[in-house]
PDB file of N, CA and C in Angstrom:
ATOM      1  N   MET A   1      45.069 126.259 121.782  1.00  0.00           N
ATOM      2  CA  MET A   1      46.383 126.212 122.373  1.00  0.00           C
ATOM      3  C   MET A   1      47.131 127.498 122.023  1.00  0.00           C
ATOM      4  N   ASN A   2      48.058 127.845 122.819  1.00  0.00           N
ATOM      5  CA  ASN A   2      48.814 129.080 122.665  1.00  0.00           C
ATOM      6  C   ASN A   2      49.756 128.967 121.447  1.00  0.00           C
ATOM      7  N   PRO A   3      49.703 129.947 120.505  1.00  0.00           N
ATOM      8  CA  PRO A   3      50.581 129.883 119.319  1.00  0.00           C
ATOM      9  C   PRO A   3      52.066 129.897 119.675  1.00  0.00           C
ATOM     10  N   LYS A   4      52.445 130.562 120.760  1.00  0.00           N
ATOM     11  CA  LYS A   4      53.850 130.607 121.166  1.00  0.00           C
ATOM     12  C   LYS A   4      54.320 129.224 121.615  1.00  0.00           C
ATOM     13  N   ALA A   5      53.449 128.497 122.306  1.00  0.00           N
ATOM     14  CA  ALA A   5      53.791 127.144 122.760  1.00  0.00           C
ATOM     15  C   ALA A   5      53.942 126.199 121.566  1.00  0.00           C
ATOM     16  N   ILE A   6      53.070 126.348 120.579  1.00  0.00           N
ATOM     17  CA  ILE A   6      53.169 125.524 119.371  1.00  0.00           C
ATOM     18  C   ILE A   6      54.472 125.813 118.632  1.00  0.00           C
ATOM     19  N   ARG A   7      54.847 127.057 118.514  1.00  0.00           N
ATOM     20  CA  ARG A   7      56.081 127.456 117.840  1.00  0.00           C
ATOM     21  C   ARG A   7      57.303 126.879 118.562  1.00  0.00           C
ATOM     22  N   ILE A   8      57.319 126.949 119.889  1.00  0.00           N
ATOM     23  CA  ILE A   8      58.445 126.405 120.666  1.00  0.00           C
ATOM     24  C   ILE A   8      58.507 124.885 120.486  1.00  0.00           C
ATOM     25  N   TYR A   9      57.355 124.216 120.508  1.00  0.00           N
ATOM     26  CA  TYR A   9      57.296 122.771 120.315  1.00  0.00           C
ATOM     27  C   TYR A   9      57.853 122.379 118.942  1.00  0.00           C
ATOM     28  N   LEU A  10      57.465 123.092 117.889  1.00  0.00           N
ATOM     29  CA  LEU A  10      57.950 122.796 116.541  1.00  0.00           C
ATOM     30  C   LEU A  10      59.449 123.040 116.413  1.00  0.00           C
ATOM     31  N   ILE A  11      59.948 124.093 117.051  1.00  0.00           N
ATOM     32  CA  ILE A  11      61.389 124.374 117.005  1.00  0.00           C
ATOM     33  C   ILE A  11      62.164 123.259 117.699  1.00  0.00           C
ATOM     34  N   ILE A  12      61.686 122.813 118.862  1.00  0.00           N
ATOM     35  CA  ILE A  12      62.362 121.730 119.595  1.00  0.00           C
ATOM     36  C   ILE A  12      62.338 120.443 118.774  1.00  0.00           C
ATOM     37  N   MET A  13      61.197 120.125 118.173  1.00  0.00           N
ATOM     38  CA  MET A  13      61.109 118.911 117.362  1.00  0.00           C
ATOM     39  C   MET A  13      62.015 118.999 116.125  1.00  0.00           C
ATOM     40  N   GLY A  14      62.131 120.179 115.536  1.00  0.00           N
ATOM     41  CA  GLY A  14      63.022 120.379 114.395  1.00  0.00           C
ATOM     42  C   GLY A  14      64.477 120.170 114.773  1.00  0.00           C
ATOM     43  N   ILE A  15      64.875 120.674 115.938  1.00  0.00           N
ATOM     44  CA  ILE A  15      66.262 120.509 116.398  1.00  0.00           C
ATOM     45  C   ILE A  15      66.548 119.040 116.667  1.00  0.00           C
ATOM     46  N   ILE A  16      65.618 118.348 117.306  1.00  0.00           N
ATOM     47  CA  ILE A  16      65.796 116.912 117.570  1.00  0.00           C
ATOM     48  C   ILE A  16      65.896 116.143 116.250  1.00  0.00           C
ATOM     49  N   GLY A  17      65.058 116.480 115.269  1.00  0.00           N
ATOM     50  CA  GLY A  17      65.120 115.829 113.960  1.00  0.00           C
ATOM     51  C   GLY A  17      66.451 116.050 113.268  1.00  0.00           C
ATOM     52  N   LEU A  18      66.983 117.269 113.335  1.00  0.00           N
ATOM     53  CA  LEU A  18      68.287 117.558 112.725  1.00  0.00           C
ATOM     54  C   LEU A  18      69.404 116.782 113.408  1.00  0.00           C
ATOM     55  N   ILE A  19      69.344 116.686 114.730  1.00  0.00           N
ATOM     56  CA  ILE A  19      70.372 115.932 115.458  1.00  0.00           C
ATOM     57  C   ILE A  19      70.313 114.453 115.075  1.00  0.00           C
ATOM     58  N   MET A  20      69.116 113.900 114.963  1.00  0.00           N
ATOM     59  CA  MET A  20      68.979 112.495 114.571  1.00  0.00           C
ATOM     60  C   MET A  20      69.476 112.271 113.139  1.00  0.00           C
ATOM     61  N   PHE A  21      69.145 113.186 112.223  1.00  0.00           N
ATOM     62  CA  PHE A  21      69.604 113.070 110.841  1.00  0.00           C
ATOM     63  C   PHE A  21      71.128 113.141 110.775  1.00  0.00           C
ATOM     64  N   ALA A  22      71.725 114.083 111.494  1.00  0.00           N
ATOM     65  CA  ALA A  22      73.186 114.213 111.500  1.00  0.00           C
ATOM     66  C   ALA A  22      73.838 112.968 112.095  1.00  0.00           C
ATOM     67  N   GLY A  23      73.238 112.407 113.139  1.00  0.00           N
ATOM     68  CA  GLY A  23      73.779 111.197 113.747  1.00  0.00           C
ATOM     69  C   GLY A  23      73.768 110.024 112.797  1.00  0.00           C
ATOM     70  N   LEU A  24      72.696 109.861 112.050  1.00  0.00           N
ATOM     71  CA  LEU A  24      72.617 108.767 111.071  1.00  0.00           C
ATOM     72  C   LEU A  24      73.606 108.967 109.936  1.00  0.00           C
ATOM     73  N   PHE A  25      73.755 110.206 109.481  1.00  0.00           N
ATOM     74  CA  PHE A  25      74.689 110.497 108.393  1.00  0.00           C
ATOM     75  C   PHE A  25      76.119 110.213 108.816  1.00  0.00           C
ATOM     76  N   LEU A  26      76.515 110.650 109.996  1.00  0.00           N
ATOM     77  CA  LEU A  26      77.880 110.434 110.466  1.00  0.00           C
ATOM     78  C   LEU A  26      78.141 108.954 110.729  1.00  0.00           C
ATOM     79  N   ARG A  27      77.140 108.238 111.209  1.00  0.00           N
ATOM     80  CA  ARG A  27      77.297 106.812 111.446  1.00  0.00           C
ATOM     81  C   ARG A  27      77.536 106.092 110.129  1.00  0.00           C
ATOM     82  N   SER A  28      76.800 106.447 109.103  1.00  0.00           N
ATOM     83  CA  SER A  28      76.963 105.846 107.792  1.00  0.00           C
ATOM     84  C   SER A  28      78.362 106.121 107.251  1.00  0.00           C
ATOM     85  N   HIS A  29      78.846 107.329 107.430  1.00  0.00           N
ATOM     86  CA  HIS A  29      80.174 107.701 106.942  1.00  0.00           C
ATOM     87  C   HIS A  29      81.256 106.889 107.656  1.00  0.00           C
ATOM     88  N   LYS A  30      81.115 106.686 108.958  1.00  0.00           N
ATOM     89  CA  LYS A  30      82.109 105.924 109.699  1.00  0.00           C
ATOM     90  C   LYS A  30      82.161 104.482 109.231  1.00  0.00           C
ATOM     91  N   SER A  31      81.002 103.883 108.960  1.00  0.00           N
ATOM     92  CA  SER A  31      81.012 102.487 108.538  1.00  0.00           C
ATOM     93  C   SER A  31      81.608 102.333 107.148  1.00  0.00           C
ATOM     94  N   SER A  32      81.438 103.317 106.268  1.00  0.00           N
ATOM     95  CA  SER A  32      82.056 103.218 104.951  1.00  0.00           C
ATOM     96  C   SER A  32      83.566 103.386 105.050  1.00  0.00           C
ATOM     97  N   GLN A  33      84.039 104.118 106.040  1.00  0.00           N
ATOM     98  CA  GLN A  33      85.482 104.286 106.223  1.00  0.00           C
ATOM     99  C   GLN A  33      86.147 102.975 106.615  1.00  0.00           C
ATOM    100  N   LYS A  34      85.420 102.091 107.293  1.00  0.00           N
ATOM    101  CA  LYS A  34      85.997 100.811 107.681  1.00  0.00           C
ATOM    102  C   LYS A  34      86.385  99.999 106.456  1.00  0.00           C
ATOM    103  N   TRP A  35      85.573 100.052 105.387  1.00  0.00           N
ATOM    104  CA  TRP A  35      85.903  99.294 104.191  1.00  0.00           C
ATOM    105  C   TRP A  35      87.147  99.849 103.519  1.00  0.00           C
ATOM    106  N   ILE A  36      87.292 101.174 103.518  1.00  0.00           N
ATOM    107  CA  ILE A  36      88.456 101.773 102.859  1.00  0.00           C
ATOM    108  C   ILE A  36      89.743 101.370 103.570  1.00  0.00           C
ATOM    109  N   GLY A  37      89.685 101.208 104.898  1.00  0.00           N
ATOM    110  CA  GLY A  37      90.873 100.850 105.659  1.00  0.00           C
ATOM    111  C   GLY A  37      91.192  99.368 105.645  1.00  0.00           C
ATOM    112  N   MET A  38      90.398  98.575 104.975  1.00  0.00           N
ATOM    113  CA  MET A  38      90.576  97.135 104.986  1.00  0.00           C
ATOM    114  C   MET A  38      91.638  96.701 103.983  1.00  0.00           C
ATOM    115  N   GLU A  39      92.406  95.708 104.344  1.00  0.00           N
ATOM    116  CA  GLU A  39      93.420  95.171 103.438  1.00  0.00           C
ATOM    117  C   GLU A  39      93.002  93.771 103.023  1.00  0.00           C
ATOM    118  N   ILE A  40      92.968  93.519 101.729  1.00  0.00           N
ATOM    119  CA  ILE A  40      92.560  92.209 101.234  1.00  0.00           C
ATOM    120  C   ILE A  40      93.601  91.671 100.263  1.00  0.00           C
ATOM    121  N   TYR A  41      93.629  90.379 100.137  1.00  0.00           N
ATOM    122  CA  TYR A  41      94.491  89.728  99.163  1.00  0.00           C
ATOM    123  C   TYR A  41      93.940  88.329  98.949  1.00  0.00           C
ATOM    124  N   GLY A  42      93.665  87.967  97.717  1.00  0.00           N
ATOM    125  CA  GLY A  42      93.135  86.633  97.475  1.00  0.00           C
ATOM    126  C   GLY A  42      93.087  86.265  96.015  1.00  0.00           C
ATOM    127  N   GLN A  43      92.929  84.971  95.779  1.00  0.00           N
ATOM    128  CA  GLN A  43      92.832  84.426  94.429  1.00  0.00           C
ATOM    129  C   GLN A  43      91.450  84.722  93.870  1.00  0.00           C
ATOM    130  N   MET A  44      91.407  85.301  92.672  1.00  0.00           N
ATOM    131  CA  MET A  44      90.138  85.591  92.004  1.00  0.00           C
ATOM    132  C   MET A  44      89.681  84.333  91.283  1.00  0.00           C
ATOM    133  N   ASN A  45      88.552  83.789  91.728  1.00  0.00           N
ATOM    134  CA  ASN A  45      88.033  82.574  91.106  1.00  0.00           C
ATOM    135  C   ASN A  45      86.972  82.861  90.056  1.00  0.00           C
ATOM    136  N   ASP A  46      86.169  83.901  90.272  1.00  0.00           N
ATOM    137  CA  ASP A  46      85.124  84.273  89.315  1.00  0.00           C
ATOM    138  C   ASP A  46      84.656  85.686  89.634  1.00  0.00           C
ATOM    139  N   PHE A  47      83.912  86.285  88.709  1.00  0.00           N
ATOM    140  CA  PHE A  47      83.352  87.610  88.957  1.00  0.00           C
ATOM    141  C   PHE A  47      82.034  87.752  88.215  1.00  0.00           C
ATOM    142  N   VAL A  48      81.194  88.672  88.712  1.00  0.00           N
ATOM    143  CA  VAL A  48      79.884  88.931  88.126  1.00  0.00           C
ATOM    144  C   VAL A  48      79.638  90.428  88.177  1.00  0.00           C
ATOM    145  N   LEU A  49      79.046  90.970  87.106  1.00  0.00           N
ATOM    146  CA  LEU A  49      78.634  92.376  87.076  1.00  0.00           C
ATOM    147  C   LEU A  49      77.129  92.454  87.313  1.00  0.00           C
ATOM    148  N   ILE A  50      76.710  93.200  88.330  1.00  0.00           N
ATOM    149  CA  ILE A  50      75.294  93.420  88.601  1.00  0.00           C
ATOM    150  C   ILE A  50      75.100  94.912  88.828  1.00  0.00           C
ATOM    151  N   ASP A  51      74.228  95.502  88.005  1.00  0.00           N
ATOM    152  CA  ASP A  51      73.962  96.945  88.078  1.00  0.00           C
ATOM    153  C   ASP A  51      75.271  97.714  88.013  1.00  0.00           C
ATOM    154  N   LYS A  52      75.611  98.462  89.055  1.00  0.00           N
ATOM    155  CA  LYS A  52      76.848  99.243  89.058  1.00  0.00           C
ATOM    156  C   LYS A  52      77.845  98.689  90.063  1.00  0.00           C
ATOM    157  N   ASN A  53      77.811  97.367  90.253  1.00  0.00           N
ATOM    158  CA  ASN A  53      78.721  96.701  91.183  1.00  0.00           C
ATOM    159  C   ASN A  53      79.434  95.556  90.488  1.00  0.00           C
ATOM    160  N   VAL A  54      80.647  95.290  90.954  1.00  0.00           N
ATOM    161  CA  VAL A  54      81.419  94.138  90.514  1.00  0.00           C
ATOM    162  C   VAL A  54      81.551  93.234  91.731  1.00  0.00           C
ATOM    163  N   PHE A  55      81.164  91.980  91.571  1.00  0.00           N
ATOM    164  CA  PHE A  55      81.273  91.008  92.650  1.00  0.00           C
ATOM    165  C   PHE A  55      82.322  89.987  92.247  1.00  0.00           C
ATOM    166  N   ILE A  56      83.354  89.845  93.077  1.00  0.00           N
ATOM    167  CA  ILE A  56      84.463  88.943  92.781  1.00  0.00           C
ATOM    168  C   ILE A  56      84.504  87.857  93.845  1.00  0.00           C
ATOM    169  N   LEU A  57      84.651  86.614  93.397  1.00  0.00           N
ATOM    170  CA  LEU A  57      84.806  85.501  94.319  1.00  0.00           C
ATOM    171  C   LEU A  57      86.277  85.389  94.670  1.00  0.00           C
ATOM    172  N   LEU A  58      86.623  85.796  95.892  1.00  0.00           N
ATOM    173  CA  LEU A  58      87.999  85.702  96.384  1.00  0.00           C
ATOM    174  C   LEU A  58      88.094  84.460  97.249  1.00  0.00           C
ATOM    175  N   ASP A  59      88.841  83.504  96.799  1.00  0.00           N
ATOM    176  CA  ASP A  59      88.947  82.214  97.472  1.00  0.00           C
ATOM    177  C   ASP A  59      87.536  81.649  97.665  1.00  0.00           C
ATOM    178  N   THR A  60      86.898  81.845  98.814  1.00  0.00           N
ATOM    179  CA  THR A  60      85.545  81.326  99.032  1.00  0.00           C
ATOM    180  C   THR A  60      84.570  82.412  99.458  1.00  0.00           C
ATOM    181  N   VAL A  61      84.963  83.676  99.405  1.00  0.00           N
ATOM    182  CA  VAL A  61      84.140  84.788  99.869  1.00  0.00           C
ATOM    183  C   VAL A  61      83.855  85.739  98.705  1.00  0.00           C
ATOM    184  N   TRP A  62      82.605  86.201  98.601  1.00  0.00           N
ATOM    185  CA  TRP A  62      82.256  87.195  97.586  1.00  0.00           C
ATOM    186  C   TRP A  62      82.592  88.570  98.110  1.00  0.00           C
ATOM    187  N   TYR A  63      83.288  89.339  97.298  1.00  0.00           N
ATOM    188  CA  TYR A  63      83.703  90.695  97.638  1.00  0.00           C
ATOM    189  C   TYR A  63      83.133  91.626  96.574  1.00  0.00           C
ATOM    190  N   SER A  64      82.607  92.789  96.996  1.00  0.00           N
ATOM    191  CA  SER A  64      82.008  93.703  96.024  1.00  0.00           C
ATOM    192  C   SER A  64      82.712  95.052  96.081  1.00  0.00           C
ATOM    193  N   PHE A  65      82.735  95.716  94.933  1.00  0.00           N
ATOM    194  CA  PHE A  65      83.146  97.115  94.889  1.00  0.00           C
ATOM    195  C   PHE A  65      82.531  97.777  93.682  1.00  0.00           C
ATOM    196  N   SER A  66      82.724  99.061  93.554  1.00  0.00           N
ATOM    197  CA  SER A  66      82.067  99.849  92.518  1.00  0.00           C
ATOM    198  C   SER A  66      82.450  99.363  91.126  1.00  0.00           C
ATOM    199  N   TYR A  67      81.535  99.552  90.198  1.00  0.00           N
ATOM    200  CA  TYR A  67      81.697  99.127  88.809  1.00  0.00           C
ATOM    201  C   TYR A  67      82.897  99.802  88.155  1.00  0.00           C
ATOM    202  N   ASP A  68      83.586  99.048  87.323  1.00  0.00           N
ATOM    203  CA  ASP A  68      84.671  99.570  86.512  1.00  0.00           C
ATOM    204  C   ASP A  68      84.564  98.905  85.144  1.00  0.00           C
ATOM    205  N   ARG A  69      84.665  99.683  84.054  1.00  0.00           N
ATOM    206  CA  ARG A  69      84.511  99.131  82.695  1.00  0.00           C
ATOM    207  C   ARG A  69      85.546  98.070  82.369  1.00  0.00           C
ATOM    208  N   LEU A  70      86.617  98.035  83.112  1.00  0.00           N
ATOM    209  CA  LEU A  70      87.673  97.055  82.897  1.00  0.00           C
ATOM    210  C   LEU A  70      87.134  95.623  82.958  1.00  0.00           C
ATOM    211  N   PHE A  71      86.117  95.384  83.791  1.00  0.00           N
ATOM    212  CA  PHE A  71      85.638  94.025  84.006  1.00  0.00           C
ATOM    213  C   PHE A  71      84.691  93.520  82.933  1.00  0.00           C
ATOM    214  N   GLU A  72      84.260  94.371  82.008  1.00  0.00           N
ATOM    215  CA  GLU A  72      83.330  93.915  80.982  1.00  0.00           C
ATOM    216  C   GLU A  72      83.920  92.792  80.131  1.00  0.00           C
ATOM    217  N   ASN A  73      85.187  92.915  79.777  1.00  0.00           N
ATOM    218  CA  ASN A  73      85.839  91.907  78.931  1.00  0.00           C
ATOM    219  C   ASN A  73      87.003  91.232  79.653  1.00  0.00           C
ATOM    220  N   PHE A  74      86.924  91.174  80.963  1.00  0.00           N
ATOM    221  CA  PHE A  74      88.021  90.641  81.770  1.00  0.00           C
ATOM    222  C   PHE A  74      87.954  89.123  81.826  1.00  0.00           C
ATOM    223  N   ILE A  75      89.085  88.478  81.664  1.00  0.00           N
ATOM    224  CA  ILE A  75      89.164  87.023  81.751  1.00  0.00           C
ATOM    225  C   ILE A  75      90.104  86.687  82.907  1.00  0.00           C
ATOM    226  N   ILE A  76      89.602  85.887  83.838  1.00  0.00           N
ATOM    227  CA  ILE A  76      90.405  85.526  85.008  1.00  0.00           C
ATOM    228  C   ILE A  76      91.246  84.314  84.664  1.00  0.00           C
ATOM    229  N   ASN A  77      92.554  84.486  84.733  1.00  0.00           N
ATOM    230  CA  ASN A  77      93.464  83.353  84.554  1.00  0.00           C
ATOM    231  C   ASN A  77      94.588  83.491  85.576  1.00  0.00           C
ATOM    232  N   GLU A  78      94.377  82.864  86.717  1.00  0.00           N
ATOM    233  CA  GLU A  78      95.343  82.882  87.804  1.00  0.00           C
ATOM    234  C   GLU A  78      95.648  84.300  88.295  1.00  0.00           C
ATOM    235  N   CYS A  79      94.652  85.172  88.305  1.00  0.00           N
ATOM    236  CA  CYS A  79      94.836  86.542  88.777  1.00  0.00           C
ATOM    237  C   CYS A  79      94.480  86.645  90.258  1.00  0.00           C
ATOM    238  N   ARG A  80      95.104  87.608  90.917  1.00  0.00           N
ATOM    239  CA  ARG A  80      94.840  87.856  92.324  1.00  0.00           C
ATOM    240  C   ARG A  80      94.410  89.305  92.497  1.00  0.00           C
ATOM    241  N   LEU A  81      93.523  89.543  93.475  1.00  0.00           N
ATOM    242  CA  LEU A  81      93.072  90.891  93.801  1.00  0.00           C
ATOM    243  C   LEU A  81      93.755  91.303  95.094  1.00  0.00           C
ATOM    244  N   SER A  82      94.295  92.499  95.109  1.00  0.00           N
ATOM    245  CA  SER A  82      95.008  92.983  96.284  1.00  0.00           C
ATOM    246  C   SER A  82      94.613  94.421  96.560  1.00  0.00           C
ATOM    247  N   LYS A  83      94.465  94.769  97.837  1.00  0.00           N
ATOM    248  CA  LYS A  83      94.209  96.141  98.252  1.00  0.00           C
ATOM    249  C   LYS A  83      94.952  96.387  99.546  1.00  0.00           C
ATOM    250  N   GLU A  84      95.726  97.459  99.564  1.00  0.00           N
ATOM    251  CA  GLU A  84      96.481  97.798 100.758  1.00  0.00           C
ATOM    252  C   GLU A  84      95.699  98.763 101.625  1.00  0.00           C
ATOM    253  N   LYS A  85      95.923  98.698 102.922  1.00  0.00           N
ATOM    254  CA  LYS A  85      95.256  99.577 103.876  1.00  0.00           C
ATOM    255  C   LYS A  85      95.582 101.028 103.590  1.00  0.00           C
ATOM    256  N   GLY A  86      94.554 101.876 103.618  1.00  0.00           N
ATOM    257  CA  GLY A  86      94.768 103.308 103.456  1.00  0.00           C
ATOM    258  C   GLY A  86      94.781 103.797 102.019  1.00  0.00           C
ATOM    259  N   TYR A  87      94.750 102.902 101.041  1.00  0.00           N
ATOM    260  CA  TYR A  87      94.745 103.292  99.633  1.00  0.00           C
ATOM    261  C   TYR A  87      93.382 102.998  99.028  1.00  0.00           C
ATOM    262  N   ASP A  88      92.971 103.810  98.054  1.00  0.00           N
ATOM    263  CA  ASP A  88      91.688 103.618  97.390  1.00  0.00           C
ATOM    264  C   ASP A  88      91.822 102.772  96.127  1.00  0.00           C
ATOM    265  N   TYR A  89      92.962 102.193  95.904  1.00  0.00           N
ATOM    266  CA  TYR A  89      93.200 101.435  94.685  1.00  0.00           C
ATOM    267  C   TYR A  89      93.213  99.944  94.968  1.00  0.00           C
ATOM    268  N   TYR A  90      92.637  99.182  94.038  1.00  0.00           N
ATOM    269  CA  TYR A  90      92.716  97.730  94.048  1.00  0.00           C
ATOM    270  C   TYR A  90      93.688  97.348  92.953  1.00  0.00           C
ATOM    271  N   TYR A  91      94.501  96.358  93.211  1.00  0.00           N
ATOM    272  CA  TYR A  91      95.434  95.873  92.209  1.00  0.00           C
ATOM    273  C   TYR A  91      95.010  94.483  91.773  1.00  0.00           C
ATOM    274  N   ILE A  92      94.935  94.288  90.467  1.00  0.00           N
ATOM    275  CA  ILE A  92      94.682  92.972  89.914  1.00  0.00           C
ATOM    276  C   ILE A  92      96.022  92.479  89.393  1.00  0.00           C
ATOM    277  N   LEU A  93      96.542  91.478  90.046  1.00  0.00           N
ATOM    278  CA  LEU A  93      97.866  90.959  89.726  1.00  0.00           C
ATOM    279  C   LEU A  93      97.723  89.680  88.915  1.00  0.00           C
ATOM    280  N   CYS A  94      98.084  89.759  87.652  1.00  0.00           N
ATOM    281  CA  CYS A  94      98.043  88.596  86.763  1.00  0.00           C
ATOM    282  C   CYS A  94      99.473  88.209  86.416  1.00  0.00           C
ATOM    283  N   PRO A  95      99.700  86.983  85.954  1.00  0.00           N
ATOM    284  CA  PRO A  95     101.063  86.562  85.621  1.00  0.00           C
ATOM    285  C   PRO A  95     101.748  87.464  84.596  1.00  0.00           C
ATOM    286  N   ASP A  96     100.975  88.037  83.664  1.00  0.00           N
ATOM    287  CA  ASP A  96     101.590  88.837  82.602  1.00  0.00           C
ATOM    288  C   ASP A  96     101.502  90.340  82.828  1.00  0.00           C
ATOM    289  N   SER A  97     100.662  90.810  83.739  1.00  0.00           N
ATOM    290  CA  SER A  97     100.534  92.258  83.928  1.00  0.00           C
ATOM    291  C   SER A  97      99.949  92.585  85.301  1.00  0.00           C
ATOM    292  N   GLU A  98     100.004  93.882  85.612  1.00  0.00           N
ATOM    293  CA  GLU A  98      99.400  94.392  86.837  1.00  0.00           C
ATOM    294  C   GLU A  98      98.466  95.523  86.450  1.00  0.00           C
ATOM    295  N   ILE A  99      97.199  95.422  86.855  1.00  0.00           N
ATOM    296  CA  ILE A  99      96.200  96.424  86.506  1.00  0.00           C
ATOM    297  C   ILE A  99      95.767  97.129  87.781  1.00  0.00           C
ATOM    298  N   GLN A 100      95.647  98.442  87.714  1.00  0.00           N
ATOM    299  CA  GLN A 100      95.228  99.224  88.863  1.00  0.00           C
ATOM    300  C   GLN A 100      93.793  99.694  88.638  1.00  0.00           C
ATOM    301  N   VAL A 101      92.907  99.397  89.601  1.00  0.00           N
ATOM    302  CA  VAL A 101      91.504  99.766  89.510  1.00  0.00           C
ATOM    303  C   VAL A 101      91.189 100.669  90.683  1.00  0.00           C
ATOM    304  N   TRP A 102      90.564 101.833  90.405  1.00  0.00           N
ATOM    305  CA  TRP A 102      90.190 102.734  91.482  1.00  0.00           C
ATOM    306  C   TRP A 102      88.764 102.476  91.901  1.00  0.00           C
ATOM    307  N   SER A 103      88.541 102.427  93.196  1.00  0.00           N
ATOM    308  CA  SER A 103      87.187 102.283  93.711  1.00  0.00           C
ATOM    309  C   SER A 103      87.131 102.881  95.102  1.00  0.00           C
ATOM    310  N   GLY A 104      86.102 103.668  95.371  1.00  0.00           N
ATOM    311  CA  GLY A 104      85.986 104.327  96.666  1.00  0.00           C
ATOM    312  C   GLY A 104      85.276 103.490  97.704  1.00  0.00           C
ATOM    313  N   SER A 105      84.648 102.407  97.308  1.00  0.00           N
ATOM    314  CA  SER A 105      83.917 101.615  98.298  1.00  0.00           C
ATOM    315  C   SER A 105      84.013 100.147  97.953  1.00  0.00           C
ATOM    316  N   GLY A 106      83.790  99.345  98.933  1.00  0.00           N
ATOM    317  CA  GLY A 106      83.808  97.914  98.716  1.00  0.00           C
ATOM    318  C   GLY A 106      83.649  97.186 100.023  1.00  0.00           C
ATOM    319  N   GLY A 107      83.408  95.903  99.939  1.00  0.00           N
ATOM    320  CA  GLY A 107      83.268  95.130 101.161  1.00  0.00           C
ATOM    321  C   GLY A 107      82.865  93.700 100.897  1.00  0.00           C
ATOM    322  N   ILE A 108      82.913  92.906 101.922  1.00  0.00           N
ATOM    323  CA  ILE A 108      82.535  91.503 101.842  1.00  0.00           C
ATOM    324  C   ILE A 108      81.020  91.412 101.810  1.00  0.00           C
ATOM    325  N   VAL A 109      80.495  90.609 100.914  1.00  0.00           N
ATOM    326  CA  VAL A 109      79.047  90.458 100.767  1.00  0.00           C
ATOM    327  C   VAL A 109      78.564  89.409 101.767  1.00  0.00           C
ATOM    328  N   THR A 110      77.661  89.832 102.672  1.00  0.00           N
ATOM    329  CA  THR A 110      77.092  88.911 103.656  1.00  0.00           C
ATOM    330  C   THR A 110      75.577  88.837 103.554  1.00  0.00           C
ATOM    331  N   ASP A 111      74.969  89.757 102.824  1.00  0.00           N
ATOM    332  CA  ASP A 111      73.522  89.806 102.703  1.00  0.00           C
ATOM    333  C   ASP A 111      73.032  88.638 101.849  1.00  0.00           C
ATOM    334  N   LYS A 112      72.088  87.855 102.375  1.00  0.00           N
ATOM    335  CA  LYS A 112      71.606  86.665 101.672  1.00  0.00           C
ATOM    336  C   LYS A 112      70.901  87.007 100.364  1.00  0.00           C
ATOM    337  N   ILE A 113      70.246  88.154 100.318  1.00  0.00           N
ATOM    338  CA  ILE A 113      69.564  88.558  99.086  1.00  0.00           C
ATOM    339  C   ILE A 113      70.580  88.820  97.985  1.00  0.00           C
ATOM    340  N   TRP A 114      71.681  89.537  98.313  1.00  0.00           N
ATOM    341  CA  TRP A 114      72.727  89.793  97.319  1.00  0.00           C
ATOM    342  C   TRP A 114      73.425  88.500  96.912  1.00  0.00           C
ATOM    343  N   LEU A 115      73.647  87.610  97.864  1.00  0.00           N
ATOM    344  CA  LEU A 115      74.291  86.338  97.521  1.00  0.00           C
ATOM    345  C   LEU A 115      73.416  85.536  96.551  1.00  0.00           C
ATOM    346  N   ARG A 116      72.108  85.594  96.740  1.00  0.00           N
ATOM    347  CA  ARG A 116      71.177  84.916  95.824  1.00  0.00           C
ATOM    348  C   ARG A 116      71.219  85.558  94.438  1.00  0.00           C
ATOM    349  N   ARG A 117      71.246  86.909  94.395  1.00  0.00           N
ATOM    350  CA  ARG A 117      71.333  87.609  93.108  1.00  0.00           C
ATOM    351  C   ARG A 117      72.639  87.269  92.391  1.00  0.00           C
ATOM    352  N   ILE A 118      73.716  87.155  93.151  1.00  0.00           N
ATOM    353  CA  ILE A 118      75.017  86.798  92.562  1.00  0.00           C
ATOM    354  C   ILE A 118      74.950  85.393  91.973  1.00  0.00           C
ATOM    355  N   GLU A 119      74.340  84.474  92.713  1.00  0.00           N
ATOM    356  CA  GLU A 119      74.211  83.093  92.241  1.00  0.00           C
ATOM    357  C   GLU A 119      73.420  83.026  90.935  1.00  0.00           C
ATOM    358  N   ILE A 120      72.323  83.767  90.857  1.00  0.00           N
ATOM    359  CA  ILE A 120      71.502  83.793  89.637  1.00  0.00           C
ATOM    360  C   ILE A 120      72.282  84.397  88.471  1.00  0.00           C
ATOM    361  N   ALA A 121      72.984  85.524  88.722  1.00  0.00           N
ATOM    362  CA  ALA A 121      73.774  86.166  87.666  1.00  0.00           C
ATOM    363  C   ALA A 121      74.912  85.268  87.199  1.00  0.00           C
ATOM    364  N   LEU A 122      75.512  84.513  88.111  1.00  0.00           N
ATOM    365  CA  LEU A 122      76.601  83.601  87.751  1.00  0.00           C
ATOM    366  C   LEU A 122      76.088  82.465  86.865  1.00  0.00           C
ATOM    367  N   LYS A 123      74.908  81.934  87.188  1.00  0.00           N
ATOM    368  CA  LYS A 123      74.312  80.890  86.347  1.00  0.00           C
ATOM    369  C   LYS A 123      73.998  81.421  84.954  1.00  0.00           C
ATOM    370  N   LYS A 124      73.472  82.650  84.900  1.00  0.00           N
ATOM    371  CA  LYS A 124      73.149  83.271  83.614  1.00  0.00           C
ATOM    372  C   LYS A 124      74.415  83.511  82.797  1.00  0.00           C
ATOM    373  N   LYS A 125      75.487  83.938  83.469  1.00  0.00           N
ATOM    374  CA  LYS A 125      76.765  84.203  82.795  1.00  0.00           C
ATOM    375  C   LYS A 125      77.337  82.914  82.202  1.00  0.00           C
ATOM    376  N   LYS A 126      77.289  81.829  82.971  1.00  0.00           N
ATOM    377  CA  LYS A 126      77.831  80.551  82.502  1.00  0.00           C
ATOM    378  C   LYS A 126      76.986  79.963  81.380  1.00  0.00           C
ATOM    379  N   LYS A 127      75.674  80.232  81.420  1.00  0.00           N
ATOM    380  CA  LYS A 127      74.783  79.751  80.377  1.00  0.00           C
ATOM    381  C   LYS A 127      75.056  80.465  79.060  1.00  0.00           C
ATOM    382  N   ASN A 128      75.402  81.752  79.100  1.00  0.00           N
ATOM    383  CA  ASN A 128      75.681  82.547  77.888  1.00  0.00           C
ATOM    384  C   ASN A 128      77.046  82.253  77.291  1.00  0.00           C
ATOM    385  N   GLN A 129      77.936  81.632  78.040  1.00  0.00           N
ATOM    386  CA  GLN A 129      79.290  81.369  77.522  1.00  0.00           C
ATOM    387  C   GLN A 129      79.371  80.099  76.752  1.00  0.00           C
TER     388      GLN A 129
END
């Protein structure tokens, strides 16, 4: 086969690959922006630490966001989690104080595998207490 034709074919395939990679990257960025723009408010019923994530049970829905050392010794007593649209801060509102937690990502947990891992970690946490 002609070396010039092979070179043109490889260049075209490289350009198509770069366009596909850029498209996937931008799509991922847009979906993460949706979580940042979300506003939440709910009663914190329980929480679990798994790897570098904090999973909080808000009313009846599990919500996750990036790990913060604050939760290692955190005790939930009538506290509420709040996040306003457009801000990267979560507020933990307790009767005696207000704590501000920074997190760049978060969202509602819908994946069945993560929900199962949360259930196992919650059982382990209750067993250790």
